PDB file of N, CA and C in Angstrom:
ATOM      1  N   VAL A   1       5.638   9.074  -7.402  1.00  0.00           N
ATOM      2  CA  VAL A   1       6.126   8.941  -6.008  1.00  0.00           C
ATOM      3  C   VAL A   1       5.389   9.742  -5.160  1.00  0.00           C
ATOM      4  N   LEU A   2       4.355   9.513  -3.956  1.00  0.00           N
ATOM      5  CA  LEU A   2       4.277  11.048  -3.458  1.00  0.00           C
ATOM      6  C   LEU A   2       4.399  10.771  -1.583  1.00  0.00           C
ATOM      7  N   ARG A   3       4.878  11.590  -1.322  1.00  0.00           N
ATOM      8  CA  ARG A   3       5.287  11.645   0.168  1.00  0.00           C
ATOM      9  C   ARG A   3       4.223  11.690   1.044  1.00  0.00           C
ATOM     10  N   ILE A   4       3.458  10.911   1.886  1.00  0.00           N
ATOM     11  CA  ILE A   4       2.318  11.297   2.737  1.00  0.00           C
ATOM     12  C   ILE A   4       2.880  11.676   4.184  1.00  0.00           C
ATOM     13  N   PRO A   5       2.539  12.623   4.866  1.00  0.00           N
ATOM     14  CA  PRO A   5       3.403  12.853   6.312  1.00  0.00           C
ATOM     15  C   PRO A   5       2.207  11.731   7.113  1.00  0.00           C
ATOM     16  N   LEU A   6       3.336  10.898   8.058  1.00  0.00           N
ATOM     17  CA  LEU A   6       2.463  10.722   9.061  1.00  0.00           C
ATOM     18  C   LEU A   6       1.460  10.841  10.151  1.00  0.00           C
ATOM     19  N   ASP A   7       2.109  12.322  10.359  1.00  0.00           N
ATOM     20  CA  ASP A   7       1.256  12.961  11.489  1.00  0.00           C
ATOM     21  C   ASP A   7      -0.402  13.269  10.732  1.00  0.00           C
ATOM     22  N   LYS A   8      -0.677  12.947   9.677  1.00  0.00           N
ATOM     23  CA  LYS A   8      -2.085  13.200   9.111  1.00  0.00           C
ATOM     24  C   LYS A   8      -2.334  11.508   8.754  1.00  0.00           C
ATOM     25  N   PRO A   9      -3.890  11.542   9.170  1.00  0.00           N
ATOM     26  CA  PRO A   9      -4.663   9.827   9.000  1.00  0.00           C
ATOM     27  C   PRO A   9      -4.802   9.416   7.587  1.00  0.00           C
ATOM     28  N   SER A  10      -3.727   8.393   7.479  1.00  0.00           N
ATOM     29  CA  SER A  10      -4.569   7.605   6.106  1.00  0.00           C
ATOM     30  C   SER A  10      -3.790   6.009   5.962  1.00  0.00           C
ATOM     31  N   ILE A  11      -4.560   5.851   4.992  1.00  0.00           N
ATOM     32  CA  ILE A  11      -3.717   4.155   5.080  1.00  0.00           C
ATOM     33  C   ILE A  11      -2.685   3.737   4.908  1.00  0.00           C
ATOM     34  N   ALA A  12      -1.957   4.387   3.870  1.00  0.00           N
ATOM     35  CA  ALA A  12      -0.451   4.383   3.910  1.00  0.00           C
ATOM     36  C   ALA A  12       0.441   4.736   5.046  1.00  0.00           C
ATOM     37  N   GLY A  13      -0.317   5.738   5.665  1.00  0.00           N
ATOM     38  CA  GLY A  13       0.148   6.580   6.826  1.00  0.00           C
ATOM     39  C   GLY A  13       0.519   5.207   8.132  1.00  0.00           C
ATOM     40  N   TRP A  14      -0.963   4.296   7.937  1.00  0.00           N
ATOM     41  CA  TRP A  14      -1.634   3.370   9.009  1.00  0.00           C
ATOM     42  C   TRP A  14      -0.074   2.178   9.119  1.00  0.00           C
ATOM     43  N   VAL A  15      -0.526   1.998   7.306  1.00  0.00           N
ATOM     44  CA  VAL A  15       0.494   0.918   7.062  1.00  0.00           C
ATOM     45  C   VAL A  15       1.726   1.079   7.335  1.00  0.00           C
ATOM     46  N   ALA A  16       2.889   2.139   7.369  1.00  0.00           N
ATOM     47  CA  ALA A  16       4.195   2.298   7.177  1.00  0.00           C
ATOM     48  C   ALA A  16       4.456   2.349   8.873  1.00  0.00           C
ATOM     49  N   GLN A  17       3.333   2.948   9.701  1.00  0.00           N
ATOM     50  CA  GLN A  17       3.394   2.400  11.359  1.00  0.00           C
ATOM     51  C   GLN A  17       3.306   1.117  11.785  1.00  0.00           C
ATOM     52  N   ASN A  18       2.461   0.880  11.231  1.00  0.00           N
ATOM     53  CA  ASN A  18       2.143  -0.674  11.941  1.00  0.00           C
ATOM     54  C   ASN A  18       3.140  -1.697  11.351  1.00  0.00           C
ATOM     55  N   LYS A  19       3.650  -1.572  10.053  1.00  0.00           N
ATOM     56  CA  LYS A  19       4.468  -2.445   9.355  1.00  0.00           C
ATOM     57  C   LYS A  19       3.650  -3.827   8.930  1.00  0.00           C
ATOM     58  N   GLU A  20       2.479  -3.202   8.583  1.00  0.00           N
ATOM     59  CA  GLU A  20       1.396  -4.758   7.808  1.00  0.00           C
ATOM     60  C   GLU A  20       0.815  -4.244   7.169  1.00  0.00           C
ATOM     61  N   THR A  21       0.404  -5.114   5.930  1.00  0.00           N
ATOM     62  CA  THR A  21       0.005  -4.916   4.504  1.00  0.00           C
ATOM     63  C   THR A  21      -1.527  -4.486   4.993  1.00  0.00           C
ATOM     64  N   ALA A  22      -2.156  -4.180   4.172  1.00  0.00           N
ATOM     65  CA  ALA A  22      -3.972  -3.521   4.458  1.00  0.00           C
ATOM     66  C   ALA A  22      -4.464  -4.106   3.218  1.00  0.00           C
ATOM     67  N   ASN A  23      -4.921  -4.713   3.397  1.00  0.00           N
ATOM     68  CA  ASN A  23      -6.225  -5.144   1.872  1.00  0.00           C
ATOM     69  C   ASN A  23      -7.252  -4.511   2.110  1.00  0.00           C
ATOM     70  N   ILE A  24      -8.140  -3.533   1.386  1.00  0.00           N
ATOM     71  CA  ILE A  24      -9.088  -3.239   1.341  1.00  0.00           C
ATOM     72  C   ILE A  24     -10.079  -3.457   0.556  1.00  0.00           C
ATOM     73  N   ALA A  25     -11.534  -3.966   0.514  1.00  0.00           N
ATOM     74  CA  ALA A  25     -12.366  -4.355  -0.406  1.00  0.00           C
ATOM     75  C   ALA A  25     -12.966  -2.584  -0.886  1.00  0.00           C
ATOM     76  N   SER A  26     -13.371  -1.761   0.480  1.00  0.00           N
ATOM     77  CA  SER A  26     -14.403  -0.404   0.126  1.00  0.00           C
ATOM     78  C   SER A  26     -13.575   0.232   1.075  1.00  0.00           C
ATOM     79  N   VAL A  27     -12.881   1.137   0.143  1.00  0.00           N
ATOM     80  CA  VAL A  27     -11.637   2.231   0.990  1.00  0.00           C
ATOM     81  C   VAL A  27     -12.745   3.077   1.419  1.00  0.00           C
ATOM     82  N   LYS A  28     -13.629   3.451   0.764  1.00  0.00           N
ATOM     83  CA  LYS A  28     -14.700   4.540   1.317  1.00  0.00           C
ATOM     84  C   LYS A  28     -15.205   4.373   2.981  1.00  0.00           C
ATOM     85  N   ASP A  29     -15.596   3.491   3.271  1.00  0.00           N
ATOM     86  CA  ASP A  29     -15.815   2.553   4.225  1.00  0.00           C
ATOM     87  C   ASP A  29     -14.958   2.331   4.980  1.00  0.00           C
ATOM     88  N   ASP A  30     -13.522   2.382   5.111  1.00  0.00           N
ATOM     89  CA  ASP A  30     -12.205   2.179   5.986  1.00  0.00           C
ATOM     90  C   ASP A  30     -11.938   3.743   6.857  1.00  0.00           C
ATOM     91  N   ALA A  31     -12.273   3.706   8.255  1.00  0.00           N
ATOM     92  CA  ALA A  31     -11.947   4.596   8.926  1.00  0.00           C
ATOM     93  C   ALA A  31     -10.839   5.203   8.926  1.00  0.00           C
ATOM     94  N   ARG A  32      -9.584   4.865   7.947  1.00  0.00           N
ATOM     95  CA  ARG A  32      -8.173   5.253   7.842  1.00  0.00           C
ATOM     96  C   ARG A  32      -8.298   5.992   6.922  1.00  0.00           C
ATOM     97  N   TRP A  33      -9.509   5.649   5.972  1.00  0.00           N
ATOM     98  CA  TRP A  33      -9.415   6.684   4.946  1.00  0.00           C
ATOM     99  C   TRP A  33      -9.949   8.276   5.026  1.00  0.00           C
ATOM    100  N   PHE A  34      -9.444   9.119   4.708  1.00  0.00           N
ATOM    101  CA  PHE A  34      -9.211  10.698   5.268  1.00  0.00           C
ATOM    102  C   PHE A  34     -10.000  11.444   4.019  1.00  0.00           C
ATOM    103  N   GLY A  35     -10.862  10.447   3.073  1.00  0.00           N
ATOM    104  CA  GLY A  35     -11.949  11.458   1.997  1.00  0.00           C
ATOM    105  C   GLY A  35     -11.351  11.755   0.973  1.00  0.00           C
ATOM    106  N   ARG A  36      -9.830  11.797   0.974  1.00  0.00           N
ATOM    107  CA  ARG A  36      -9.362  12.263  -0.583  1.00  0.00           C
ATOM    108  C   ARG A  36      -8.249  11.293  -1.103  1.00  0.00           C
ATOM    109  N   ALA A  37      -7.821  11.262  -2.121  1.00  0.00           N
ATOM    110  CA  ALA A  37      -6.331  10.995  -2.818  1.00  0.00           C
ATOM    111  C   ALA A  37      -5.862  12.088  -2.157  1.00  0.00           C
ATOM    112  N   ALA A  38      -4.232  11.970  -2.591  1.00  0.00           N
ATOM    113  CA  ALA A  38      -3.203  12.820  -2.850  1.00  0.00           C
ATOM    114  C   ALA A  38      -3.364  14.066  -3.698  1.00  0.00           C
ATOM    115  N   GLU A  39      -3.658  13.277  -4.867  1.00  0.00           N
ATOM    116  CA  GLU A  39      -3.941  14.200  -5.912  1.00  0.00           C
ATOM    117  C   GLU A  39      -5.268  14.539  -6.569  1.00  0.00           C
ATOM    118  N   GLY A  40      -6.265  15.401  -5.925  1.00  0.00           N
ATOM    119  CA  GLY A  40      -7.477  15.414  -6.561  1.00  0.00           C
ATOM    120  C   GLY A  40      -8.652  14.730  -5.557  1.00  0.00           C
ATOM    121  N   ASP A  41      -9.758  14.786  -6.078  1.00  0.00           N
ATOM    122  CA  ASP A  41     -10.935  14.281  -5.335  1.00  0.00           C
ATOM    123  C   ASP A  41     -11.305  12.710  -5.629  1.00  0.00           C
ATOM    124  N   TYR A  42     -10.276  12.125  -6.545  1.00  0.00           N
ATOM    125  CA  TYR A  42     -10.612  10.640  -6.805  1.00  0.00           C
ATOM    126  C   TYR A  42     -10.575  10.394  -5.904  1.00  0.00           C
ATOM    127  N   VAL A  43     -11.646   8.553  -5.801  1.00  0.00           N
ATOM    128  CA  VAL A  43     -12.220   8.103  -4.379  1.00  0.00           C
ATOM    129  C   VAL A  43     -11.558   6.668  -4.818  1.00  0.00           C
ATOM    130  N   PRO A  44     -10.756   5.873  -4.395  1.00  0.00           N
ATOM    131  CA  PRO A  44     -10.386   4.677  -5.255  1.00  0.00           C
ATOM    132  C   PRO A  44     -11.594   3.532  -4.331  1.00  0.00           C
ATOM    133  N   THR A  45     -11.864   2.223  -5.183  1.00  0.00           N
ATOM    134  CA  THR A  45     -13.073   1.470  -4.593  1.00  0.00           C
ATOM    135  C   THR A  45     -12.377   0.657  -3.526  1.00  0.00           C
ATOM    136  N   SER A  46     -11.221   0.150  -4.522  1.00  0.00           N
ATOM    137  CA  SER A  46     -10.274  -0.666  -3.341  1.00  0.00           C
ATOM    138  C   SER A  46      -9.201  -0.971  -3.747  1.00  0.00           C
ATOM    139  N   MET A  47      -8.167  -1.001  -2.265  1.00  0.00           N
ATOM    140  CA  MET A  47      -6.813  -1.013  -2.421  1.00  0.00           C
ATOM    141  C   MET A  47      -6.159  -1.788  -1.659  1.00  0.00           C
ATOM    142  N   ILE A  48      -4.981  -2.014  -1.834  1.00  0.00           N
ATOM    143  CA  ILE A  48      -4.062  -3.077  -1.386  1.00  0.00           C
ATOM    144  C   ILE A  48      -2.728  -2.435  -0.835  1.00  0.00           C
ATOM    145  N   CYS A  49      -2.117  -2.165   0.185  1.00  0.00           N
ATOM    146  CA  CYS A  49      -0.854  -1.477   0.808  1.00  0.00           C
ATOM    147  C   CYS A  49      -0.058  -2.328   1.400  1.00  0.00           C
ATOM    148  N   ALA A  50       1.356  -2.054   1.206  1.00  0.00           N
ATOM    149  CA  ALA A  50       2.098  -3.002   1.958  1.00  0.00           C
ATOM    150  C   ALA A  50       3.586  -2.248   2.053  1.00  0.00           C
ATOM    151  N   PRO A  51       4.106  -2.481   3.136  1.00  0.00           N
ATOM    152  CA  PRO A  51       5.072  -1.740   4.067  1.00  0.00           C
ATOM    153  C   PRO A  51       6.508  -2.444   2.792  1.00  0.00           C
ATOM    154  N   VAL A  52       7.578  -1.323   2.574  1.00  0.00           N
ATOM    155  CA  VAL A  52       8.821  -1.421   2.349  1.00  0.00           C
ATOM    156  C   VAL A  52       9.763  -1.340   3.676  1.00  0.00           C
ATOM    157  N   LEU A  53      10.194  -2.926   3.947  1.00  0.00           N
ATOM    158  CA  LEU A  53      10.679  -2.854   5.503  1.00  0.00           C
ATOM    159  C   LEU A  53      12.444  -3.168   5.441  1.00  0.00           C
ATOM    160  N   SER A  54      13.064  -2.962   5.995  1.00  0.00           N
ATOM    161  CA  SER A  54      14.259  -2.525   6.212  1.00  0.00           C
ATOM    162  C   SER A  54      14.871  -4.189   6.324  1.00  0.00           C
ATOM    163  N   ARG A  55      15.808  -4.337   5.735  1.00  0.00           N
ATOM    164  CA  ARG A  55      16.127  -5.788   6.306  1.00  0.00           C
ATOM    165  C   ARG A  55      15.787  -6.505   7.535  1.00  0.00           C
ATOM    166  N   ASP A  56      16.317  -5.860   8.445  1.00  0.00           N
ATOM    167  CA  ASP A  56      15.512  -6.142   9.732  1.00  0.00           C
ATOM    168  C   ASP A  56      14.640  -5.809  10.077  1.00  0.00           C
ATOM    169  N   GLY A  57      13.661  -5.307   9.355  1.00  0.00           N
ATOM    170  CA  GLY A  57      12.278  -5.068   9.557  1.00  0.00           C
ATOM    171  C   GLY A  57      11.993  -3.889  11.091  1.00  0.00           C
ATOM    172  N   SER A  58      12.982  -3.458  11.072  1.00  0.00           N
ATOM    173  CA  SER A  58      12.680  -2.092  12.215  1.00  0.00           C
ATOM    174  C   SER A  58      11.945  -1.201  11.557  1.00  0.00           C
ATOM    175  N   LYS A  59      12.863  -0.835  10.333  1.00  0.00           N
ATOM    176  CA  LYS A  59      11.824   0.163   9.869  1.00  0.00           C
ATOM    177  C   LYS A  59      11.595   0.101   8.471  1.00  0.00           C
ATOM    178  N   THR A  60      10.277   1.355   8.399  1.00  0.00           N
ATOM    179  CA  THR A  60       9.642   1.304   7.030  1.00  0.00           C
ATOM    180  C   THR A  60      10.598   2.468   6.056  1.00  0.00           C
ATOM    181  N   LEU A  61      10.740   1.832   5.141  1.00  0.00           N
ATOM    182  CA  LEU A  61      11.528   2.780   4.227  1.00  0.00           C
ATOM    183  C   LEU A  61      10.396   3.291   3.221  1.00  0.00           C
ATOM    184  N   GLY A  62       9.344   2.821   2.856  1.00  0.00           N
ATOM    185  CA  GLY A  62       8.187   3.138   2.269  1.00  0.00           C
ATOM    186  C   GLY A  62       7.332   2.135   1.858  1.00  0.00           C
ATOM    187  N   VAL A  63       6.019   3.006   1.454  1.00  0.00           N
ATOM    188  CA  VAL A  63       4.760   1.577   1.258  1.00  0.00           C
ATOM    189  C   VAL A  63       4.497   1.863  -0.236  1.00  0.00           C
ATOM    190  N   ILE A  64       3.989   0.769  -0.759  1.00  0.00           N
ATOM    191  CA  ILE A  64       3.533   0.018  -2.159  1.00  0.00           C
ATOM    192  C   ILE A  64       2.088   0.207  -1.994  1.00  0.00           C
ATOM    193  N   GLN A  65       1.632   0.924  -2.784  1.00  0.00           N
ATOM    194  CA  GLN A  65      -0.265   1.049  -2.718  1.00  0.00           C
ATOM    195  C   GLN A  65      -0.634   0.777  -3.899  1.00  0.00           C
ATOM    196  N   VAL A  66      -1.640  -0.143  -4.280  1.00  0.00           N
ATOM    197  CA  VAL A  66      -1.987  -0.483  -5.477  1.00  0.00           C
ATOM    198  C   VAL A  66      -3.482  -0.139  -5.543  1.00  0.00           C
ATOM    199  N   LEU A  67      -4.249   0.895  -6.100  1.00  0.00           N
ATOM    200  CA  LEU A  67      -5.686   0.651  -6.812  1.00  0.00           C
ATOM    201  C   LEU A  67      -6.744   0.087  -7.467  1.00  0.00           C
ATOM    202  N   ASP A  68      -7.570  -0.090  -7.269  1.00  0.00           N
ATOM    203  CA  ASP A  68      -8.588  -0.592  -8.068  1.00  0.00           C
ATOM    204  C   ASP A  68      -8.122  -1.768  -8.976  1.00  0.00           C
ATOM    205  N   LYS A  69      -8.412  -3.293  -8.439  1.00  0.00           N
ATOM    206  CA  LYS A  69      -8.104  -4.261  -9.010  1.00  0.00           C
ATOM    207  C   LYS A  69      -9.244  -4.496  -9.935  1.00  0.00           C
ATOM    208  N   ARG A  70      -9.104  -4.996 -11.384  1.00  0.00           N
ATOM    209  CA  ARG A  70     -10.053  -5.391 -12.312  1.00  0.00           C
ATOM    210  C   ARG A  70     -10.293  -6.427 -12.674  1.00  0.00           C
ATOM    211  N   ASP A  71     -11.258  -7.068 -12.809  1.00  0.00           N
ATOM    212  CA  ASP A  71     -11.372  -8.200 -12.922  1.00  0.00           C
ATOM    213  C   ASP A  71     -11.031  -8.440 -14.672  1.00  0.00           C
ATOM    214  N   GLU A  72     -10.695  -9.763 -14.978  1.00  0.00           N
ATOM    215  CA  GLU A  72      -9.754  -9.603 -16.291  1.00  0.00           C
ATOM    216  C   GLU A  72     -10.728  -9.945 -17.448  1.00  0.00           C
ATOM    217  N   LYS A  73     -11.717 -10.647 -17.009  1.00  0.00           N
ATOM    218  CA  LYS A  73     -12.803 -11.179 -18.022  1.00  0.00           C
ATOM    219  C   LYS A  73     -14.008 -10.377 -18.212  1.00  0.00           C
ATOM    220  N   THR A  74     -14.521  -9.336 -16.699  1.00  0.00           N
ATOM    221  CA  THR A  74     -15.545  -8.462 -16.963  1.00  0.00           C
ATOM    222  C   THR A  74     -15.369  -7.008 -17.252  1.00  0.00           C
ATOM    223  N   GLY A  75     -13.890  -6.848 -16.441  1.00  0.00           N
ATOM    224  CA  GLY A  75     -13.204  -5.203 -16.354  1.00  0.00           C
ATOM    225  C   GLY A  75     -14.131  -4.400 -15.406  1.00  0.00           C
ATOM    226  N   LYS A  76     -14.535  -5.151 -14.157  1.00  0.00           N
ATOM    227  CA  LYS A  76     -15.137  -4.842 -13.283  1.00  0.00           C
ATOM    228  C   LYS A  76     -14.570  -4.617 -12.138  1.00  0.00           C
ATOM    229  N   LEU A  77     -14.681  -3.531 -11.131  1.00  0.00           N
ATOM    230  CA  LEU A  77     -13.513  -3.346 -10.123  1.00  0.00           C
ATOM    231  C   LEU A  77     -14.176  -4.514  -8.839  1.00  0.00           C
ATOM    232  N   VAL A  78     -13.173  -5.285  -8.694  1.00  0.00           N
ATOM    233  CA  VAL A  78     -13.113  -6.059  -7.246  1.00  0.00           C
ATOM    234  C   VAL A  78     -11.946  -6.327  -6.398  1.00  0.00           C
ATOM    235  N   ALA A  79     -12.122  -6.544  -5.644  1.00  0.00           N
ATOM    236  CA  ALA A  79     -11.428  -6.674  -4.350  1.00  0.00           C
ATOM    237  C   ALA A  79     -10.100  -7.191  -4.454  1.00  0.00           C
ATOM    238  N   PHE A  80      -9.258  -7.016  -4.071  1.00  0.00           N
ATOM    239  CA  PHE A  80      -7.919  -7.979  -3.757  1.00  0.00           C
ATOM    240  C   PHE A  80      -7.462  -8.845  -3.402  1.00  0.00           C
ATOM    241  N   ASP A  81      -7.335  -9.885  -3.506  1.00  0.00           N
ATOM    242  CA  ASP A  81      -7.144 -11.352  -3.200  1.00  0.00           C
ATOM    243  C   ASP A  81      -6.102 -11.710  -2.327  1.00  0.00           C
ATOM    244  N   GLN A  82      -5.977 -12.928  -1.539  1.00  0.00           N
ATOM    245  CA  GLN A  82      -4.749 -12.943  -0.937  1.00  0.00           C
ATOM    246  C   GLN A  82      -3.389 -13.246  -1.687  1.00  0.00           C
ATOM    247  N   ASN A  83      -3.887 -13.939  -3.126  1.00  0.00           N
ATOM    248  CA  ASN A  83      -2.622 -14.320  -3.884  1.00  0.00           C
ATOM    249  C   ASN A  83      -2.337 -12.248  -4.358  1.00  0.00           C
ATOM    250  N   ASP A  84      -2.817 -11.603  -4.375  1.00  0.00           N
ATOM    251  CA  ASP A  84      -2.448 -10.501  -4.806  1.00  0.00           C
ATOM    252  C   ASP A  84      -1.597  -9.891  -3.210  1.00  0.00           C
ATOM    253  N   GLU A  85      -2.020 -10.239  -2.704  1.00  0.00           N
ATOM    254  CA  GLU A  85      -1.208 -10.039  -1.405  1.00  0.00           C
ATOM    255  C   GLU A  85       0.568 -10.360  -0.969  1.00  0.00           C
ATOM    256  N   LYS A  86       0.262 -11.629  -1.389  1.00  0.00           N
ATOM    257  CA  LYS A  86       1.507 -12.319  -1.635  1.00  0.00           C
ATOM    258  C   LYS A  86       2.232 -11.585  -2.767  1.00  0.00           C
ATOM    259  N   VAL A  87       1.946 -11.703  -3.639  1.00  0.00           N
ATOM    260  CA  VAL A  87       2.621 -10.718  -4.691  1.00  0.00           C
ATOM    261  C   VAL A  87       3.392  -9.711  -4.397  1.00  0.00           C
ATOM    262  N   LEU A  88       2.226  -8.443  -3.711  1.00  0.00           N
ATOM    263  CA  LEU A  88       2.619  -7.026  -3.195  1.00  0.00           C
ATOM    264  C   LEU A  88       3.826  -7.449  -2.191  1.00  0.00           C
ATOM    265  N   ARG A  89       3.708  -8.274  -1.280  1.00  0.00           N
ATOM    266  CA  ARG A  89       4.801  -8.620  -0.124  1.00  0.00           C
ATOM    267  C   ARG A  89       6.082  -8.955  -0.803  1.00  0.00           C
ATOM    268  N   LEU A  90       5.824  -9.609  -1.845  1.00  0.00           N
ATOM    269  CA  LEU A  90       7.244 -10.044  -2.341  1.00  0.00           C
ATOM    270  C   LEU A  90       7.839  -8.904  -3.622  1.00  0.00           C
ATOM    271  N   LEU A  91       6.979  -8.245  -3.921  1.00  0.00           N
ATOM    272  CA  LEU A  91       7.434  -6.761  -4.758  1.00  0.00           C
ATOM    273  C   LEU A  91       8.115  -5.924  -3.564  1.00  0.00           C
ATOM    274  N   ALA A  92       7.446  -5.946  -2.203  1.00  0.00           N
ATOM    275  CA  ALA A  92       8.082  -5.164  -1.411  1.00  0.00           C
ATOM    276  C   ALA A  92       9.307  -5.392  -0.720  1.00  0.00           C
ATOM    277  N   GLY A  93       9.024  -6.993  -0.681  1.00  0.00           N
ATOM    278  CA  GLY A  93      10.942  -7.154  -0.439  1.00  0.00           C
ATOM    279  C   GLY A  93      11.623  -6.745  -1.637  1.00  0.00           C
ATOM    280  N   HIS A  94      11.394  -6.891  -3.180  1.00  0.00           N
ATOM    281  CA  HIS A  94      12.755  -6.560  -4.005  1.00  0.00           C
ATOM    282  C   HIS A  94      12.808  -5.123  -3.789  1.00  0.00           C
ATOM    283  N   THR A  95      11.702  -4.180  -3.773  1.00  0.00           N
ATOM    284  CA  THR A  95      11.824  -3.072  -3.579  1.00  0.00           C
ATOM    285  C   THR A  95      12.846  -2.538  -2.483  1.00  0.00           C
ATOM    286  N   ARG A  96      12.966  -3.238  -1.351  1.00  0.00           N
ATOM    287  CA  ARG A  96      13.896  -2.988  -0.316  1.00  0.00           C
ATOM    288  C   ARG A  96      15.045  -3.046  -0.702  1.00  0.00           C
ATOM    289  N   LEU A  97      15.527  -3.982  -1.595  1.00  0.00           N
ATOM    290  CA  LEU A  97      16.833  -3.958  -2.465  1.00  0.00           C
ATOM    291  C   LEU A  97      17.529  -3.055  -3.066  1.00  0.00           C
ATOM    292  N   PHE A  98      16.793  -1.733  -3.441  1.00  0.00           N
ATOM    293  CA  PHE A  98      16.952  -0.424  -3.923  1.00  0.00           C
ATOM    294  C   PHE A  98      16.452   0.478  -2.715  1.00  0.00           C
ATOM    295  N   MET A  99      16.280   0.195  -1.841  1.00  0.00           N
ATOM    296  CA  MET A  99      15.775   1.458  -0.721  1.00  0.00           C
ATOM    297  C   MET A  99      17.121   1.506   0.129  1.00  0.00           C
ATOM    298  N   ASP A 100      17.090   0.064   0.710  1.00  0.00           N
ATOM    299  CA  ASP A 100      17.764   0.312   1.743  1.00  0.00           C
ATOM    300  C   ASP A 100      19.209   0.457   1.882  1.00  0.00           C
ATOM    301  N   PRO A 101      19.599   1.209   2.424  1.00  0.00           N
ATOM    302  CA  PRO A 101      20.891   1.988   2.783  1.00  0.00           C
ATOM    303  C   PRO A 101      22.055   0.906   3.183  1.00  0.00           C
ATOM    304  N   ASP A 102      21.512  -0.171   3.844  1.00  0.00           N
ATOM    305  CA  ASP A 102      22.201  -1.309   4.438  1.00  0.00           C
ATOM    306  C   ASP A 102      22.251  -2.615   3.805  1.00  0.00           C
ATOM    307  N   VAL A 103      21.870  -2.501   2.526  1.00  0.00           N
ATOM    308  CA  VAL A 103      22.377  -3.630   1.102  1.00  0.00           C
ATOM    309  C   VAL A 103      23.401  -3.010   0.577  1.00  0.00           C
ATOM    310  N   GLU A 104      24.093  -3.692  -0.011  1.00  0.00           N
ATOM    311  CA  GLU A 104      24.752  -3.287  -0.731  1.00  0.00           C
ATOM    312  C   GLU A 104      24.786  -3.262  -2.019  1.00  0.00           C
ATOM    313  N   GLN A 105      25.225  -2.208  -2.989  1.00  0.00           N
ATOM    314  CA  GLN A 105      24.771  -2.917  -4.194  1.00  0.00           C
ATOM    315  C   GLN A 105      25.854  -2.900  -5.246  1.00  0.00           C
TER     316      GLN A 105
END
């Protein structure tokens, strides 16, 4: 788990503030990328990011970020597709169950 301040530009911060999924084929070319990963100098090629929202969608509880999808056959880095977006949004919805204080355990 990384904590990223929302007052600094970042893709995860944009996703948290806008409550929208971001699917980025070329991270280094995206204006929201601030030039380095939270840890070290690693620059991902592709990224998909989805917000974890409260039950009513009014609050962002967190962001799930996945980096650098690889083609199963070739092993080459490829862009995430719409199916990946659906799966990540589903995962974010399930993650909410563990993070939302309004959900009874």
